[in-house]
Amino acid sequence: MIPYKNFDEVVLAACFLAAISLVSRLVVWLPGGMLSSWLVWLQSLAVGLLIGDALLHVLPEAVETGQPFERVMVALAAGALVLVAVECWIRWTPGATTEEGAQRTPFARMNLAGDFVHHVVDGVIVAAAFIGGEATGIAVMLAIALHEVPRELSSASVLVAGGYPPRRAFVLSLAMALGVPFGALIMQLVPLTPVGLGLALAAASGTVLYVALADILPGVWARLAPNQRAAPAIGMGAGFFVMWLAARMEQG
């Protein structure tokens, strides 16, 4: 079992990451016209960041726990299937309307679910890193913060694009950010075996990939203007490149 250790440091690190996430989401308060013109680009960036995060950060962490590759892939698929079931329920229930009368789209609500899972996983990773020592924990915390800022900027824009007014999007962002300390506390108070940790990380990768490709990307196509035809490819490429750089810095 992973031991109960470095509780104070883990909680502080988790709160730091939650604060980074929340501050990054202040982008929702940008003037409506300014934000609207950037939504397609930011959503495209979000897709690239999420794919890069899942494939270059979370999934390698799962493999490094020593699980057989086939088991890791099954857990990844299970994570995606869980969100398919969640989306079936979300699409079956009537969508809520905003104060302006706009419909809140399923991709925005699915983004909230995936974002909370992602934050819980970040908390688990930070708590696991501190098991290796304070220096390792701080390094991992900074690495996560490095890719958290651009990811959260774009993720906040996904909520606005999906029909949430800025105030509601920010309040929901606060709730999602609490997933980081929640994940860290789970790791500390309910120790996982390496097998459990690996499978949890792999399942989280599946949820992140599903939200990126099945929910956010279709929203990009729906909002695409004639003068933004290259935005999905450029934005996704830029997001993935940022995650690749972050992964290289973590390895170095």
Protein backbone atom coordinates (compact mmCIF):
# COMPACT_ATOMS: atom_id res chain seq x y z
CA MET A 1 0.00 0.00 0.00
CA ILE A 2 1.07 3.60 -0.63
CA PRO A 3 1.82 5.04 2.81
CA TYR A 4 0.21 7.95 4.59
CA LYS A 5 2.96 10.56 4.39
CA ASN A 6 3.77 14.28 3.95
CA PHE A 7 0.17 15.24 4.63
CA ASP A 8 0.77 18.98 5.11
CA GLU A 9 2.94 19.30 2.01
CA VAL A 10 0.45 17.38 -0.12
CA VAL A 11 -2.51 19.52 0.99
CA LEU A 12 -0.58 22.76 0.35
CA ALA A 13 0.51 21.57 -3.09
CA ALA A 14 -3.04 20.53 -3.98
CA CYS A 15 -4.44 23.88 -2.85
CA PHE A 16 -1.78 25.68 -4.89
CA LEU A 17 -2.81 23.78 -8.03
CA ALA A 18 -6.49 24.45 -7.33
CA ALA A 19 -5.72 28.18 -7.00
CA ILE A 20 -3.77 28.13 -10.28
CA SER A 21 -6.75 26.48 -11.95
CA LEU A 22 -9.22 29.00 -10.55
CA VAL A 23 -7.16 32.10 -11.36
CA SER A 24 -6.63 30.85 -14.93
CA ARG A 25 -10.38 30.72 -15.41
CA LEU A 26 -10.75 34.48 -14.91
CA VAL A 27 -10.70 34.50 -18.72
CA VAL A 28 -14.51 34.09 -18.58
CA TRP A 29 -14.77 37.75 -17.51
CA LEU A 30 -13.32 39.02 -20.79
CA PRO A 31 -15.77 41.21 -22.74
CA GLY A 32 -18.28 39.07 -24.63
CA GLY A 33 -17.22 40.15 -28.13
CA MET A 34 -13.55 39.60 -27.39
CA LEU A 35 -14.14 36.15 -25.91
CA SER A 36 -16.52 35.14 -28.71
CA SER A 37 -13.91 35.80 -31.38
CA TRP A 38 -11.43 33.57 -29.55
CA LEU A 39 -13.76 30.74 -28.55
CA VAL A 40 -13.05 28.47 -31.54
CA TRP A 41 -9.31 28.93 -31.08
CA LEU A 42 -9.46 28.32 -27.33
CA GLN A 43 -11.69 25.28 -27.73
CA SER A 44 -9.30 23.86 -30.34
CA LEU A 45 -6.42 24.54 -27.98
CA ALA A 46 -8.33 22.73 -25.23
CA VAL A 47 -8.65 19.62 -27.41
CA GLY A 48 -4.91 19.53 -28.10
CA LEU A 49 -4.03 20.15 -24.47
CA LEU A 50 -6.37 17.43 -23.23
CA ILE A 51 -5.12 14.87 -25.76
CA GLY A 52 -1.52 15.71 -24.93
CA ASP A 53 -2.19 15.57 -21.22
CA ALA A 54 -3.85 12.16 -21.48
CA LEU A 55 -1.29 10.57 -23.81
CA LEU A 56 1.94 12.23 -22.64
CA HIS A 57 1.33 12.69 -18.92
CA VAL A 58 -1.47 10.64 -17.33
CA LEU A 59 -1.21 7.46 -19.43
CA PRO A 60 2.59 7.15 -19.04
CA GLU A 61 2.10 7.51 -15.29
CA ALA A 62 -0.30 4.55 -15.45
CA VAL A 63 2.15 2.42 -17.44
CA GLU A 64 4.99 3.25 -15.07
CA THR A 65 3.10 1.63 -12.19
CA GLY A 66 4.02 -1.71 -13.77
CA GLN A 67 0.62 -2.78 -15.07
CA PRO A 68 0.39 -5.02 -18.16
CA PHE A 69 -0.23 -2.89 -21.24
CA GLU A 70 -3.46 -4.76 -22.08
CA ARG A 71 -4.86 -4.07 -18.60
CA VAL A 72 -4.01 -0.39 -18.92
CA MET A 73 -5.81 -0.20 -22.27
CA VAL A 74 -8.88 -1.96 -20.86
CA ALA A 75 -8.99 0.57 -18.01
CA LEU A 76 -8.63 3.42 -20.51
CA ALA A 77 -11.56 2.08 -22.53
CA ALA A 78 -13.59 1.62 -19.34
CA GLY A 79 -13.02 5.27 -18.42
CA ALA A 80 -14.33 6.38 -21.81
CA LEU A 81 -17.33 4.03 -21.59
CA VAL A 82 -18.27 5.44 -18.19
CA LEU A 83 -18.51 8.91 -19.74
CA VAL A 84 -20.53 7.50 -22.65
CA ALA A 85 -23.04 6.29 -20.06
CA VAL A 86 -22.94 9.68 -18.32
CA GLU A 87 -23.55 11.47 -21.61
CA CYS A 88 -26.46 9.16 -22.43
CA TRP A 89 -28.07 10.34 -19.21
CA ILE A 90 -27.19 14.01 -19.81
CA ARG A 91 -28.62 13.97 -23.35
CA TRP A 92 -31.76 12.21 -22.14
CA THR A 93 -32.49 14.90 -19.52
CA PRO A 94 -33.71 18.32 -20.70
CA GLY A 95 -30.91 20.89 -21.01
CA ALA A 96 -31.08 23.83 -18.63
CA THR A 97 -31.31 27.34 -20.03
CA THR A 98 -29.18 30.30 -19.07
CA GLU A 99 -30.33 33.69 -17.83
CA GLU A 100 -30.11 34.90 -21.45
CA GLY A 101 -32.34 32.04 -22.64
CA ALA A 102 -29.57 30.09 -24.39
CA GLN A 103 -29.43 26.33 -24.15
CA ARG A 104 -26.53 24.78 -22.23
CA THR A 105 -25.04 22.23 -24.59
CA PRO A 106 -24.10 18.65 -23.65
CA PHE A 107 -20.44 19.24 -24.50
CA ALA A 108 -20.21 21.99 -21.88
CA ARG A 109 -21.78 19.78 -19.20
CA MET A 110 -19.57 16.86 -20.23
CA ASN A 111 -16.54 19.14 -20.01
CA LEU A 112 -17.43 19.79 -16.37
CA ALA A 113 -17.49 16.04 -15.64
CA GLY A 114 -14.21 15.42 -17.42
CA ASP A 115 -12.59 18.46 -15.82
CA PHE A 116 -13.46 17.28 -12.33
CA VAL A 117 -11.99 13.84 -13.06
CA HIS A 118 -8.87 15.48 -14.43
CA HIS A 119 -8.43 17.58 -11.29
CA VAL A 120 -8.93 14.56 -9.05
CA VAL A 121 -6.20 12.75 -11.02
CA ASP A 122 -3.88 15.75 -10.63
CA GLY A 123 -4.39 15.54 -6.88
CA VAL A 124 -3.62 11.82 -6.90
CA ILE A 125 -0.44 12.36 -8.94
CA VAL A 126 0.81 15.11 -6.64
CA ALA A 127 0.15 13.03 -3.54
CA ALA A 128 1.95 10.06 -5.11
CA ALA A 129 4.93 12.25 -6.04
CA PHE A 130 5.39 13.43 -2.47
CA ILE A 131 5.80 9.81 -1.43
CA GLY A 132 9.15 9.95 -3.23
CA GLY A 133 10.22 12.97 -1.20
CA GLU A 134 9.55 16.69 -0.89
CA ALA A 135 11.81 17.66 -3.82
CA THR A 136 10.08 15.19 -6.14
CA GLY A 137 6.66 16.36 -5.03
CA ILE A 138 7.47 20.02 -5.64
CA ALA A 139 8.91 19.25 -9.08
CA VAL A 140 5.77 17.37 -10.10
CA MET A 141 3.55 20.11 -8.67
CA LEU A 142 5.35 22.75 -10.79
CA ALA A 143 5.18 20.52 -13.87
CA ILE A 144 1.42 20.12 -13.47
CA ALA A 145 1.01 23.86 -12.91
CA LEU A 146 2.98 24.49 -16.11
CA HIS A 147 0.42 22.75 -18.28
CA GLU A 148 -2.58 23.58 -16.07
CA VAL A 149 -2.61 27.29 -16.92
CA PRO A 150 -3.18 27.06 -20.69
CA ARG A 151 -5.51 24.08 -20.27
CA GLU A 152 -7.70 25.95 -17.80
CA LEU A 153 -7.79 29.09 -19.92
CA SER A 154 -9.21 27.12 -22.81
CA SER A 155 -11.46 24.93 -20.66
CA ALA A 156 -13.14 27.98 -19.15
CA SER A 157 -13.92 29.18 -22.65
CA VAL A 158 -15.56 25.83 -23.40
CA LEU A 159 -18.16 26.54 -20.69
CA VAL A 160 -18.93 29.98 -22.11
CA ALA A 161 -19.17 28.55 -25.63
CA GLY A 162 -21.56 25.93 -24.26
CA GLY A 163 -24.05 28.47 -22.96
CA TYR A 164 -22.92 29.22 -19.39
CA PRO A 165 -22.78 32.93 -18.46
CA PRO A 166 -19.40 34.09 -17.06
CA ARG A 167 -20.56 34.23 -13.43
CA ARG A 168 -22.00 30.71 -13.52
CA ALA A 169 -18.92 29.40 -15.37
CA PHE A 170 -16.63 30.83 -12.71
CA VAL A 171 -18.65 29.38 -9.83
CA LEU A 172 -18.61 25.96 -11.49
CA SER A 173 -14.86 26.37 -12.04
CA LEU A 174 -14.43 26.78 -8.30
CA ALA A 175 -16.25 23.49 -7.70
CA MET A 176 -14.15 21.73 -10.35
CA ALA A 177 -10.90 23.09 -8.88
CA LEU A 178 -11.76 21.47 -5.55
CA GLY A 179 -11.15 18.15 -7.30
CA VAL A 180 -7.39 18.63 -6.84
CA PRO A 181 -7.36 18.64 -3.01
CA PHE A 182 -10.11 16.00 -3.10
CA GLY A 183 -7.89 13.66 -5.13
CA ALA A 184 -4.91 14.35 -2.89
CA LEU A 185 -6.94 13.57 0.22
CA ILE A 186 -8.20 10.32 -1.32
CA MET A 187 -4.60 9.33 -2.00
CA GLN A 188 -3.55 10.15 1.55
CA LEU A 189 -6.52 8.84 3.50
CA VAL A 190 -7.43 5.84 1.33
CA PRO A 191 -4.06 4.46 0.18
CA LEU A 192 -4.05 2.72 -3.20
CA THR A 193 -1.97 -0.22 -4.29
CA PRO A 194 0.22 0.36 -7.36
CA VAL A 195 -2.33 -1.71 -9.29
CA GLY A 196 -5.20 0.51 -8.15
CA LEU A 197 -3.27 3.70 -8.91
CA GLY A 198 -2.31 2.52 -12.39
CA LEU A 199 -5.85 1.52 -13.30
CA ALA A 200 -7.28 4.78 -11.93
CA LEU A 201 -4.83 6.84 -14.00
CA ALA A 202 -5.57 4.81 -17.14
CA ALA A 203 -9.33 5.22 -16.67
CA ALA A 204 -8.85 8.96 -16.18
CA SER A 205 -6.95 9.07 -19.50
CA GLY A 206 -9.97 7.52 -21.19
CA THR A 207 -12.33 10.12 -19.74
CA VAL A 208 -10.07 12.99 -20.80
CA LEU A 209 -9.74 11.65 -24.37
CA TYR A 210 -13.49 11.15 -24.63
CA VAL A 211 -14.29 14.70 -23.51
CA ALA A 212 -11.73 16.14 -25.93
CA LEU A 213 -12.71 14.18 -29.04
CA ALA A 214 -16.39 13.35 -28.55
CA ASP A 215 -17.62 16.53 -26.83
CA ILE A 216 -15.38 19.57 -27.28
CA LEU A 217 -14.23 18.95 -30.88
CA PRO A 218 -17.78 18.66 -32.29
CA GLY A 219 -18.50 21.99 -30.59
CA VAL A 220 -15.58 23.51 -32.50
CA TRP A 221 -17.02 22.37 -35.84
CA ALA A 222 -20.41 23.81 -34.94
CA ARG A 223 -19.00 27.30 -34.27
CA LEU A 224 -16.45 27.39 -37.10
CA ALA A 225 -16.64 30.50 -39.32
CA PRO A 226 -15.36 30.60 -42.91
CA ASN A 227 -12.31 32.63 -41.86
CA GLN A 228 -11.45 30.12 -39.11
CA ARG A 229 -11.11 26.97 -41.20
CA ALA A 230 -7.54 26.35 -40.04
CA ALA A 231 -8.30 27.01 -36.36
CA PRO A 232 -8.95 23.37 -35.31
CA ALA A 233 -5.70 22.05 -36.79
CA ILE A 234 -3.60 24.97 -35.57
CA GLY A 235 -5.17 25.11 -32.10
CA MET A 236 -4.99 21.36 -31.51
CA GLY A 237 -1.42 21.23 -32.79
CA ALA A 238 -0.39 24.10 -30.52
CA GLY A 239 -2.04 22.50 -27.48
CA PHE A 240 -0.41 19.14 -28.10
CA PHE A 241 2.97 20.84 -28.64
CA VAL A 242 2.68 22.65 -25.29
CA MET A 243 2.01 19.33 -23.56
CA TRP A 244 4.92 17.72 -25.39
CA LEU A 245 7.24 20.48 -24.17
CA ALA A 246 5.91 20.06 -20.62
CA ALA A 247 6.53 16.31 -20.80
CA ARG A 248 10.08 16.88 -22.04
CA MET A 249 10.74 19.32 -19.20
CA GLU A 250 9.42 16.79 -16.67
CA GLN A 251 11.78 14.13 -18.08
CA GLY A 252 14.71 16.53 -18.08
